[in-house]
Amino acid sequence: MAKIEIYTKFLCPFCTRAKKLLDTKGAAFEEIDISTGGARRTEMLARSGGRQTVPQIFIDGQHVGGCDDLVALDQAGRLDPMLGT
């Protein structure tokens, strides 16, 4: 199974949607809450090439983008292979 990391903020509807999609796939993920900023937010900015919006999603260390990007991968049939499902 793939290692999935998702940077989120409290009450973010796009974060909720992305997590729900991953849940429907049965994919376990590590949620990293950056609501209060700090080192984890700085880490997200560095890993995502400066993207400031959430969620920012990484699968096996590869940046896949945000919620819309995750949904697009799924619709294209490319998400399941990345997840190992």
N, C-alpha and C. Protein backbone atom coordinates (compact mmCIF):
# COMPACT_ATOMS: atom_id res chain seq x y z
N MET A 1 0.85 -1.19 0.00
CA MET A 1 0.00 0.00 0.00
C MET A 1 0.89 1.24 0.00
N ALA A 2 0.45 2.25 -0.69
CA ALA A 2 1.22 3.48 -0.83
C ALA A 2 1.23 4.29 0.47
N LYS A 3 2.28 5.07 0.65
CA LYS A 3 2.35 6.00 1.76
C LYS A 3 1.74 7.32 1.29
N ILE A 4 0.67 7.74 1.96
CA ILE A 4 -0.05 8.95 1.56
C ILE A 4 0.04 9.96 2.68
N GLU A 5 0.44 11.18 2.33
CA GLU A 5 0.47 12.29 3.27
C GLU A 5 -0.41 13.39 2.71
N ILE A 6 -1.22 13.98 3.58
CA ILE A 6 -2.11 15.04 3.14
C ILE A 6 -2.06 16.18 4.16
N TYR A 7 -1.64 17.34 3.67
CA TYR A 7 -1.59 18.54 4.50
C TYR A 7 -2.97 19.19 4.46
N THR A 8 -3.52 19.47 5.63
CA THR A 8 -4.89 19.99 5.73
C THR A 8 -4.97 21.16 6.70
N LYS A 9 -6.15 21.81 6.67
CA LYS A 9 -6.50 22.83 7.66
C LYS A 9 -7.89 22.52 8.19
N PHE A 10 -8.16 22.96 9.40
CA PHE A 10 -9.44 22.76 10.05
C PHE A 10 -10.56 23.39 9.23
N LEU A 11 -11.65 22.65 9.06
CA LEU A 11 -12.85 23.09 8.36
C LEU A 11 -12.64 23.40 6.87
N CYS A 12 -11.68 22.78 6.25
CA CYS A 12 -11.43 22.97 4.82
C CYS A 12 -12.29 21.96 4.04
N PRO A 13 -13.24 22.46 3.23
CA PRO A 13 -14.10 21.53 2.50
C PRO A 13 -13.36 20.72 1.43
N PHE A 14 -12.31 21.29 0.85
CA PHE A 14 -11.53 20.55 -0.14
C PHE A 14 -10.73 19.43 0.52
N CYS A 15 -10.26 19.70 1.74
CA CYS A 15 -9.55 18.67 2.50
C CYS A 15 -10.50 17.52 2.82
N THR A 16 -11.70 17.86 3.24
CA THR A 16 -12.70 16.86 3.58
C THR A 16 -13.02 16.00 2.35
N ARG A 17 -13.17 16.64 1.20
CA ARG A 17 -13.48 15.91 -0.03
C ARG A 17 -12.35 14.97 -0.41
N ALA A 18 -11.11 15.44 -0.32
CA ALA A 18 -9.96 14.60 -0.67
C ALA A 18 -9.85 13.41 0.28
N LYS A 19 -10.04 13.66 1.58
CA LYS A 19 -9.96 12.57 2.55
C LYS A 19 -11.08 11.55 2.33
N LYS A 20 -12.26 12.03 1.97
CA LYS A 20 -13.38 11.13 1.71
C LYS A 20 -13.08 10.24 0.50
N LEU A 21 -12.51 10.82 -0.55
CA LEU A 21 -12.14 10.02 -1.72
C LEU A 21 -11.14 8.94 -1.34
N LEU A 22 -10.12 9.32 -0.58
CA LEU A 22 -9.13 8.33 -0.15
C LEU A 22 -9.76 7.26 0.73
N ASP A 23 -10.68 7.67 1.60
CA ASP A 23 -11.39 6.70 2.45
C ASP A 23 -12.18 5.71 1.61
N THR A 24 -12.85 6.19 0.55
CA THR A 24 -13.64 5.28 -0.29
C THR A 24 -12.75 4.28 -1.02
N LYS A 25 -11.49 4.65 -1.21
CA LYS A 25 -10.52 3.74 -1.84
C LYS A 25 -9.90 2.79 -0.83
N GLY A 26 -10.21 2.99 0.45
CA GLY A 26 -9.62 2.16 1.50
C GLY A 26 -8.17 2.49 1.75
N ALA A 27 -7.76 3.69 1.38
CA ALA A 27 -6.36 4.10 1.49
C ALA A 27 -6.11 4.78 2.83
N ALA A 28 -5.16 4.26 3.56
CA ALA A 28 -4.75 4.89 4.82
C ALA A 28 -3.85 6.08 4.48
N PHE A 29 -3.98 7.13 5.25
CA PHE A 29 -3.16 8.32 5.01
C PHE A 29 -2.79 8.98 6.32
N GLU A 30 -1.70 9.74 6.26
CA GLU A 30 -1.26 10.55 7.39
C GLU A 30 -1.75 11.97 7.14
N GLU A 31 -2.56 12.47 8.05
CA GLU A 31 -3.06 13.83 7.94
C GLU A 31 -2.15 14.75 8.74
N ILE A 32 -1.69 15.80 8.09
CA ILE A 32 -0.81 16.77 8.73
C ILE A 32 -1.55 18.10 8.78
N ASP A 33 -2.01 18.47 9.96
CA ASP A 33 -2.81 19.69 10.14
C ASP A 33 -1.88 20.89 10.25
N ILE A 34 -2.05 21.84 9.32
CA ILE A 34 -1.21 23.04 9.33
C ILE A 34 -2.03 24.28 9.68
N SER A 35 -3.14 24.09 10.38
CA SER A 35 -4.03 25.20 10.73
C SER A 35 -3.31 26.33 11.47
N THR A 36 -2.35 25.97 12.28
CA THR A 36 -1.66 26.98 13.07
C THR A 36 -0.33 27.41 12.45
N GLY A 37 -0.07 26.96 11.22
CA GLY A 37 1.17 27.35 10.56
C GLY A 37 2.36 26.60 11.10
N GLY A 38 3.45 27.29 11.28
CA GLY A 38 4.64 26.71 11.87
C GLY A 38 5.48 25.89 10.91
N ALA A 39 6.29 25.01 11.50
CA ALA A 39 7.27 24.24 10.74
C ALA A 39 6.62 23.31 9.72
N ARG A 40 5.48 22.74 10.06
CA ARG A 40 4.83 21.81 9.13
C ARG A 40 4.31 22.55 7.89
N ARG A 41 3.85 23.79 8.05
CA ARG A 41 3.42 24.59 6.90
C ARG A 41 4.62 24.92 6.02
N THR A 42 5.71 25.30 6.65
CA THR A 42 6.94 25.58 5.91
C THR A 42 7.39 24.34 5.14
N GLU A 43 7.28 23.19 5.77
CA GLU A 43 7.61 21.92 5.13
C GLU A 43 6.72 21.69 3.91
N MET A 44 5.41 21.93 4.05
CA MET A 44 4.48 21.75 2.93
C MET A 44 4.85 22.66 1.77
N LEU A 45 5.14 23.94 2.07
CA LEU A 45 5.50 24.89 1.02
C LEU A 45 6.74 24.42 0.26
N ALA A 46 7.73 23.92 0.98
CA ALA A 46 8.96 23.45 0.35
C ALA A 46 8.70 22.22 -0.52
N ARG A 47 7.90 21.30 -0.02
CA ARG A 47 7.64 20.06 -0.75
C ARG A 47 6.74 20.26 -1.96
N SER A 48 5.85 21.25 -1.88
CA SER A 48 4.85 21.44 -2.94
C SER A 48 5.27 22.48 -3.97
N GLY A 49 6.48 22.96 -3.88
CA GLY A 49 6.93 23.97 -4.83
C GLY A 49 6.31 25.33 -4.58
N GLY A 50 5.96 25.60 -3.32
CA GLY A 50 5.42 26.90 -2.95
C GLY A 50 3.91 27.00 -2.97
N ARG A 51 3.21 25.93 -3.28
CA ARG A 51 1.74 25.98 -3.29
C ARG A 51 1.24 26.18 -1.86
N GLN A 52 0.38 27.17 -1.69
CA GLN A 52 -0.07 27.57 -0.36
C GLN A 52 -1.45 27.05 0.01
N THR A 53 -2.19 26.53 -0.96
CA THR A 53 -3.54 26.06 -0.67
C THR A 53 -3.51 24.65 -0.11
N VAL A 54 -4.57 24.31 0.58
CA VAL A 54 -4.72 22.95 1.09
C VAL A 54 -5.97 22.33 0.48
N PRO A 55 -5.98 21.03 0.36
CA PRO A 55 -4.93 20.11 0.77
C PRO A 55 -3.78 20.08 -0.24
N GLN A 56 -2.65 19.64 0.23
CA GLN A 56 -1.53 19.26 -0.63
C GLN A 56 -1.29 17.79 -0.34
N ILE A 57 -1.28 16.99 -1.39
CA ILE A 57 -1.29 15.54 -1.25
C ILE A 57 -0.03 14.95 -1.88
N PHE A 58 0.56 14.01 -1.16
CA PHE A 58 1.76 13.31 -1.61
C PHE A 58 1.50 11.81 -1.52
N ILE A 59 1.82 11.11 -2.59
CA ILE A 59 1.70 9.66 -2.61
C ILE A 59 3.08 9.09 -2.88
N ASP A 60 3.58 8.31 -1.93
CA ASP A 60 4.94 7.76 -1.99
C ASP A 60 5.96 8.86 -2.29
N GLY A 61 5.78 10.01 -1.64
CA GLY A 61 6.71 11.11 -1.77
C GLY A 61 6.51 11.97 -3.00
N GLN A 62 5.65 11.54 -3.92
CA GLN A 62 5.39 12.31 -5.14
C GLN A 62 4.25 13.28 -4.90
N HIS A 63 4.47 14.54 -5.22
CA HIS A 63 3.44 15.55 -5.05
C HIS A 63 2.41 15.37 -6.16
N VAL A 64 1.14 15.15 -5.76
CA VAL A 64 0.08 15.00 -6.75
C VAL A 64 -0.81 16.23 -6.82
N GLY A 65 -0.63 17.17 -5.91
CA GLY A 65 -1.38 18.42 -5.93
C GLY A 65 -2.47 18.46 -4.88
N GLY A 66 -3.56 19.14 -5.24
CA GLY A 66 -4.66 19.35 -4.31
C GLY A 66 -5.83 18.42 -4.58
N CYS A 67 -6.98 18.79 -4.06
CA CYS A 67 -8.18 17.98 -4.18
C CYS A 67 -8.58 17.77 -5.64
N ASP A 68 -8.64 18.85 -6.41
CA ASP A 68 -9.04 18.74 -7.81
C ASP A 68 -8.09 17.83 -8.59
N ASP A 69 -6.81 17.91 -8.27
CA ASP A 69 -5.82 17.05 -8.92
C ASP A 69 -6.04 15.59 -8.57
N LEU A 70 -6.37 15.33 -7.30
CA LEU A 70 -6.63 13.96 -6.86
C LEU A 70 -7.87 13.40 -7.56
N VAL A 71 -8.92 14.20 -7.64
CA VAL A 71 -10.14 13.77 -8.32
C VAL A 71 -9.86 13.51 -9.80
N ALA A 72 -9.08 14.38 -10.43
CA ALA A 72 -8.75 14.19 -11.85
C ALA A 72 -7.97 12.89 -12.07
N LEU A 73 -7.05 12.59 -11.17
CA LEU A 73 -6.31 11.32 -11.26
C LEU A 73 -7.27 10.14 -11.18
N ASP A 74 -8.22 10.23 -10.27
CA ASP A 74 -9.19 9.15 -10.11
C ASP A 74 -10.05 9.00 -11.36
N GLN A 75 -10.54 10.11 -11.89
CA GLN A 75 -11.39 10.06 -13.08
C GLN A 75 -10.64 9.55 -14.30
N ALA A 76 -9.34 9.78 -14.34
CA ALA A 76 -8.52 9.30 -15.45
C ALA A 76 -8.09 7.84 -15.27
N GLY A 77 -8.44 7.25 -14.11
CA GLY A 77 -8.07 5.87 -13.85
C GLY A 77 -6.63 5.70 -13.42
N ARG A 78 -5.99 6.79 -13.01
CA ARG A 78 -4.58 6.72 -12.64
C ARG A 78 -4.35 6.71 -11.14
N LEU A 79 -5.40 6.94 -10.34
CA LEU A 79 -5.22 6.97 -8.88
C LEU A 79 -5.04 5.57 -8.30
N ASP A 80 -5.88 4.62 -8.68
CA ASP A 80 -5.80 3.26 -8.11
C ASP A 80 -4.41 2.65 -8.26
N PRO A 81 -3.78 2.73 -9.45
CA PRO A 81 -2.43 2.18 -9.55
C PRO A 81 -1.43 2.87 -8.61
N MET A 82 -1.60 4.17 -8.42
CA MET A 82 -0.69 4.90 -7.51
C MET A 82 -0.89 4.43 -6.07
N LEU A 83 -2.14 4.10 -5.72
CA LEU A 83 -2.45 3.67 -4.37
C LEU A 83 -2.09 2.21 -4.14
N GLY A 84 -1.88 1.48 -5.21
CA GLY A 84 -1.59 0.06 -5.08
C GLY A 84 -2.84 -0.76 -4.84
N THR A 85 -3.99 -0.23 -5.29
CA THR A 85 -5.25 -0.98 -5.10
C THR A 85 -5.68 -1.65 -6.38
